[in-house]
Amino acid sequence: MCSGEVSALQIRQTPWDTTPSPDHGQTNRSRRIVKLTFRIHSLLILLAAAALLAVVWASVCTVERIYWNPTRLAAAYAVAHGLDPYAPQASAAQLGWLYGPVYALVYAPVAAIPDLSCAFMAAALINTILYALPAVLLAWIVWRTWRSAAFAALAALTLTTAYSDTFLWIHVDVIAAALGIVALWALLLARESRSPCGWVGLAAMAAALAPWAKQLAVAVPAAMAAWLWWSGERRRAIQFSALAAGATLLLTAGFVQWFGADALWFSMVARPAKIPFSLQTGALSAGRLFFTGGLWFVVGILLLWLRARQRPGDDHLYRITLPVTWLAVTSLPLGLIACFKLGGGPNSIHALYYATAWLALLATWLWRNYPTSRIAVATILLLGALNGIRDHLVRGVYWMPTHYQRETLAWAKAHQGHAYFPWNPLVTILTDHQVYPTEDALYYQRLTGLQSPPAALAVAVPSDAIIVYHDPEPRGAAVAELRNARKWVALHNGP
């Protein structure tokens, strides 16, 4: 071997040294750098995984204390008990449910659990599984592409820590994003299957269900069809579009028959459309978006720009990242509109976090020969998990399961027929077997000028009702609208 040549063994032993030198001192120094970098990278990954597990456990323990969760689960309990989560404007039984019935159907089985605290923990686990589902599916695609378990695990961890404080809340957005990723996953598998019709059918059903989970996902079917057409698979695009349209028509007919056209239109379209815009809400959402999923977007774009002239070794990488990024981009306009609506937040463009995480993975793959890039990615993973812990600490973290909802239900049973919880309609669904108007519904009806008739509100709750408030601080809409209440009990730490 000539003095200027380098053996294959030396190259394999120094995978991050792009310009190997025959100098043995240089080689030994490179090896030490590689070992040190690997140890730092591994430590950061382990810390991120441990922090993420802590966030998940703390979320399960704290889920009963998050004031929005019983309001959201009330829709599922209403369906399970034969009540209607939707109501037209003329009715005072306003649960305030603005989203599609898919969420209520997914969580309805938890109503079969007799203990309310255990039911909340089960709902938290369902939320966690749905949030992790896209990460698992895309990690599985990564493993099938490169046969690298380590990179697949990194993909799953990256996608899960992108917005780790989501575990605290039982989100509607999680279902919509998961259905979009399921549609993408099925279409990718259809390319490799000998009988792709079944996978295309699964993708069409998932895409049709997504808008009925949350209205902002209405772009999912069109985005998937456009991606197929753009990729040259025009026959499959037509097949997918026909199946998705048929599934959408069947779902629409079934839900209209079940809940009523007037109630669905008022709850899902008329009232949300009239909610006013708020610049402050949008600014806060944008700031929070940057410090979570948006951070991935910035890192990914910078690394891609720096490596713009170098193509990756595997073009299949682009074929995976393109559709999920396209899925997020097409949902961005409606998501931004929702972010700037009063009461909106960055979770309205939840699918964007998967795309930003994928941009970071793409950048990591392009820069895989540089040790500093791996440390940077591992550091951002850790920061994402620590952001979830920070969110828990701000709201008051519980490290052991609480029985807050169980105690609230016991108090409501002791005052059955008299207790009225404007922020927790779930307990009165269980005790009184009817839907009382929620604080949120009354507030936004008054804000949008779509109030129910005063005569209907007068009989909406018992005339001698005890209005029971708990976190957050009451807006007072229920007190203003229901002046026939006997007294007002402030409830902060349980009955």
Foldseek 3Di string as FASTA:
>chain_A
DDQADDDPVLCVLQLLDPDDHSDVVVSVVSNVVVVVLVVLLVVLLVLLVVLLVLLLLLLLQCLVVPLQALLLQLCLCCVLLVHAQFDFLQFQLHSLAQAFCVSSVVLNVLNVDPAVLVSSSVLLVVLLCLQLLLLLLVLVVVCVVPVDNVLSVLSSLLSCLLASLCSNHSDLLSLLLSLLSQLVSLVVVLVVDPDSLVSLLSSLLSLLCNCSSPVLSVCSLVLVLVLCVVVVNNVSSVVSNVSNVVNNVVVVVVVCVSRNPNRNCVRHPVLVVLQDFAPVQLVVQVVVCCLGLVVLQVVLVVLCVVCVPDDAPDCVLVVSLVSLCSSLVSSPVVLSRQSRGVVRHNSSSVSSSSSSSSSLSVSCRVSVSHSVSSSVSSNSSNSSSVVSVVVCVVVPTDSHHDSQVSLQLVVCLVVQQAEDELSRQNSNCVRVVGRAHHQSNLVSCVVSVSHHDLVNNQVRGDLAHEYEYEPDDHPCSNCVSHVSYNYYHYDYPHD
